[in-house]
Amino acid sequence: MPKITCNIQVMNEYYKRKLRLLGVGSETFFLWGARQTGKSTLLKKIYPRSLWIDLLKSEEYRRYIDILNIFARKSLNQKQDL
């Protein structure tokens, strides 16, 4: 069986060219892919100063659900006042 080698530097350059990611502040987007393939690592390298929200952490998920519920209630109350 032939030995397969991979030059990480070459692969990094390849993916930089193939992925045309948006500039910071332009839009939101989803990056889909298999687990443990480097999606988060890639994004943290490209967008080092961006806000990260990890909804897989149960505390963080609950916090954002609570905020969403508060926003929804306030929004509904304001509509009723109109």
C-alpha atoms as a PDB file:
ATOM      1  CA  MET A   1       0.000   0.000   0.000  1.00  0.00           C
ATOM      2  CA  PRO A   2       1.478   3.413  -0.936  1.00  0.00           C
ATOM      3  CA  LYS A   3       2.318   5.837   1.858  1.00  0.00           C
ATOM      4  CA  ILE A   4       0.220   8.993   1.764  1.00  0.00           C
ATOM      5  CA  THR A   5       1.919  12.158   2.918  1.00  0.00           C
ATOM      6  CA  CYS A   6       0.367  15.533   3.526  1.00  0.00           C
ATOM      7  CA  ASN A   7       2.117  18.864   3.689  1.00  0.00           C
ATOM      8  CA  ILE A   8       0.087  20.920   6.179  1.00  0.00           C
ATOM      9  CA  GLN A   9       1.393  24.210   4.756  1.00  0.00           C
ATOM     10  CA  VAL A  10       0.195  23.265   1.253  1.00  0.00           C
ATOM     11  CA  MET A  11      -3.186  22.140   2.602  1.00  0.00           C
ATOM     12  CA  ASN A  12      -3.625  25.395   4.539  1.00  0.00           C
ATOM     13  CA  GLU A  13      -2.957  27.447   1.408  1.00  0.00           C
ATOM     14  CA  TYR A  14      -5.340  25.245  -0.586  1.00  0.00           C
ATOM     15  CA  TYR A  15      -8.200  25.810   1.850  1.00  0.00           C
ATOM     16  CA  LYS A  16      -7.526  29.545   2.063  1.00  0.00           C
ATOM     17  CA  ARG A  17      -8.047  29.730  -1.685  1.00  0.00           C
ATOM     18  CA  LYS A  18     -11.087  27.448  -1.788  1.00  0.00           C
ATOM     19  CA  LEU A  19     -12.980  29.071   1.092  1.00  0.00           C
ATOM     20  CA  ARG A  20     -14.137  32.554   0.244  1.00  0.00           C
ATOM     21  CA  LEU A  21     -15.297  33.538   3.719  1.00  0.00           C
ATOM     22  CA  LEU A  22     -16.982  36.850   4.368  1.00  0.00           C
ATOM     23  CA  GLY A  23     -15.225  39.827   5.847  1.00  0.00           C
ATOM     24  CA  VAL A  24     -15.771  40.628   9.503  1.00  0.00           C
ATOM     25  CA  GLY A  25     -19.070  42.395  10.127  1.00  0.00           C
ATOM     26  CA  SER A  26     -20.591  41.709   6.729  1.00  0.00           C
ATOM     27  CA  GLU A  27     -22.970  38.837   7.490  1.00  0.00           C
ATOM     28  CA  THR A  28     -23.537  35.758   9.571  1.00  0.00           C
ATOM     29  CA  PHE A  29     -23.128  32.292   8.107  1.00  0.00           C
ATOM     30  CA  PHE A  30     -23.061  28.615   9.002  1.00  0.00           C
ATOM     31  CA  LEU A  31     -20.027  26.456   8.391  1.00  0.00           C
ATOM     32  CA  TRP A  32     -21.101  22.815   8.203  1.00  0.00           C
ATOM     33  CA  GLY A  33     -18.841  19.816   8.327  1.00  0.00           C
ATOM     34  CA  ALA A  34     -17.931  16.626  10.083  1.00  0.00           C
ATOM     35  CA  ARG A  35     -16.825  16.677  13.717  1.00  0.00           C
ATOM     36  CA  GLN A  36     -13.168  17.241  14.590  1.00  0.00           C
ATOM     37  CA  THR A  37     -12.170  18.508  11.136  1.00  0.00           C
ATOM     38  CA  GLY A  38     -10.880  21.948  12.190  1.00  0.00           C
ATOM     39  CA  LYS A  39     -13.897  24.195  11.548  1.00  0.00           C
ATOM     40  CA  SER A  40     -13.574  26.078  14.846  1.00  0.00           C
ATOM     41  CA  THR A  41      -9.795  26.276  14.542  1.00  0.00           C
ATOM     42  CA  LEU A  42     -10.111  27.726  11.035  1.00  0.00           C
ATOM     43  CA  LEU A  43     -12.685  30.315  12.077  1.00  0.00           C
ATOM     44  CA  LYS A  44     -10.736  31.369  15.165  1.00  0.00           C
ATOM     45  CA  LYS A  45      -7.680  31.913  12.985  1.00  0.00           C
ATOM     46  CA  ILE A  46      -9.585  33.920  10.348  1.00  0.00           C
ATOM     47  CA  TYR A  47     -11.778  35.873  12.813  1.00  0.00           C
ATOM     48  CA  PRO A  48      -9.681  36.128  16.014  1.00  0.00           C
ATOM     49  CA  ARG A  49     -11.604  39.062  17.541  1.00  0.00           C
ATOM     50  CA  SER A  50     -15.129  37.802  16.813  1.00  0.00           C
ATOM     51  CA  LEU A  51     -17.809  36.945  19.331  1.00  0.00           C
ATOM     52  CA  TRP A  52     -18.108  33.199  19.989  1.00  0.00           C
ATOM     53  CA  ILE A  53     -21.302  31.668  21.338  1.00  0.00           C
ATOM     54  CA  ASP A  54     -21.119  27.943  22.004  1.00  0.00           C
ATOM     55  CA  LEU A  55     -24.703  26.711  22.267  1.00  0.00           C
ATOM     56  CA  LEU A  56     -23.447  23.194  22.980  1.00  0.00           C
ATOM     57  CA  LYS A  57     -22.504  24.390  26.475  1.00  0.00           C
ATOM     58  CA  SER A  58     -25.709  23.942  28.466  1.00  0.00           C
ATOM     59  CA  GLU A  59     -25.208  27.062  30.633  1.00  0.00           C
ATOM     60  CA  GLU A  60     -24.661  29.258  27.615  1.00  0.00           C
ATOM     61  CA  TYR A  61     -27.607  27.721  25.775  1.00  0.00           C
ATOM     62  CA  ARG A  62     -29.944  28.359  28.734  1.00  0.00           C
ATOM     63  CA  ARG A  63     -28.693  31.936  29.077  1.00  0.00           C
ATOM     64  CA  TYR A  64     -29.496  32.727  25.447  1.00  0.00           C
ATOM     65  CA  ILE A  65     -32.881  30.963  25.621  1.00  0.00           C
ATOM     66  CA  ASP A  66     -33.737  33.103  28.665  1.00  0.00           C
ATOM     67  CA  ILE A  67     -32.690  36.274  26.829  1.00  0.00           C
ATOM     68  CA  LEU A  68     -34.771  35.247  23.820  1.00  0.00           C
ATOM     69  CA  ASN A  69     -37.803  34.619  26.053  1.00  0.00           C
ATOM     70  CA  ILE A  70     -37.421  38.049  27.685  1.00  0.00           C
ATOM     71  CA  PHE A  71     -37.135  39.699  24.267  1.00  0.00           C
ATOM     72  CA  ALA A  72     -40.207  37.820  22.984  1.00  0.00           C
ATOM     73  CA  ARG A  73     -42.303  38.848  26.008  1.00  0.00           C
ATOM     74  CA  LYS A  74     -41.281  42.513  25.689  1.00  0.00           C
ATOM     75  CA  SER A  75     -41.999  42.429  21.976  1.00  0.00           C
ATOM     76  CA  LEU A  76     -45.461  40.935  22.524  1.00  0.00           C
ATOM     77  CA  ASN A  77     -46.252  43.479  25.260  1.00  0.00           C
ATOM     78  CA  GLN A  78     -45.276  46.352  22.978  1.00  0.00           C
ATOM     79  CA  LYS A  79     -47.505  45.024  20.166  1.00  0.00           C
ATOM     80  CA  GLN A  80     -50.445  44.843  22.575  1.00  0.00           C
ATOM     81  CA  ASP A  81     -49.882  48.478  23.599  1.00  0.00           C
ATOM     82  CA  LEU A  82     -50.200  49.664  19.985  1.00  0.00           C
END
